[in-house]
Amino acid sequence: MKKYTYILLVAIGITSCKTEVKQRDGKLQIVTTTTMITDMVEHIGGDAVVVNGLMGSGVDPHLYKASESVVSKLFNADVIIYNGLHLEGKLEDVFEKLRKQQKKTIAISDAIDKKGLISSEYFASNYDPHIWFHIDYWKQATQFVIDELKKLDPDNAATFEKNGQAYIANLTNLATEISQKIETLPVEKRILVTAHDAFNYFGKLHNFEVVGLQGLSTATEAGVQDVQRLASFIIEKKVKAIFVESSVPRRTVEALQASVQASGHEVAIGGTLYSDALGDAGTEEGTYIGMYIYNVKTIVEALK
């Protein structure tokens, strides 16, 4: 952590911090980390809250660092809502220090039964943190946030419940739409090769074999042997297309494509998928539901 961030955290430690949640202008001031969480909380809170999302489109949460302004936003919030499971690994020290100062933090992954999580040796939590790609888990996380916000702001509990249930209903409709689209793709063609293993929960839900070039965390880079090994897999399985991710440099997948072609085989780049961040604000892909629909259409059309 940078020196100025450490100094600011020391200052926070000196500052007295009350345990109860404060509200300014009658609205909870909420800081969220990833774009997926920001979208969820905005749907639940509506006009009753102010949501300040730290990460924007194309931002990789694995590598996101706490600047002085970020720490200031976190400290001034009434509540912080984040993914957990060490997705925001470089913010963990900040979260811990804020919790010691009685700052309210909510990790949405706490909503998910550990038995349903995918094990991972790449994270300190020992679990794959990319839970948003399992729609059932995202519904559970949504209900968890609804319940937590109702506790923090009872005056707006009815609003949170109404908005949240409407969002959950939309997620249920999303699951139906997505399943129908995926059913058009034969099971033997459901092999998803991407820049890193962000899609294992997607694979678990929709019966895809998922293989990532960089593993679960983009903090680790793929080496020559990783590229060669995956190129052999693509050739053996006759994979038609591989995919770039919006938050991971394109060159990693292009290197994989070149390795396959050097062996006399062809594999297309099937498009860019949104993995650790949504698309641009104001677009369909800038919402969780729009992102999911876009990803599935891109995957199915490229692999057919």
Foldseek 3Di string as FASTA:
>chain_A
DDPVQVVVLVVLVVDQADQAQDDDPQAFEEEEEALQVQQLCCLLCPPRHHYHYDDAFLAQLLPDAQDNVNLVSQLPGSEYEYADQCSNVRCVVSVVSVVVSNRHYHHLCVLDDPVPFDADPVTPSRTQRLQLLQLVSVLSSLVVVLVVVCVNRVVCNVSSVVSSVVVNVVSVVLVVVLQVLLVVADLLLQEAEEQEQLCPSNCVRNVHHYDHLQYRHPVGHHDPVSLLVVLVVCVVSVHAEYEYESNHDPVSVVSSQVNNVVVVDHHYHLYYAYGRHFHHPPDLSSHSSSRSVVRSVSSRVRRD
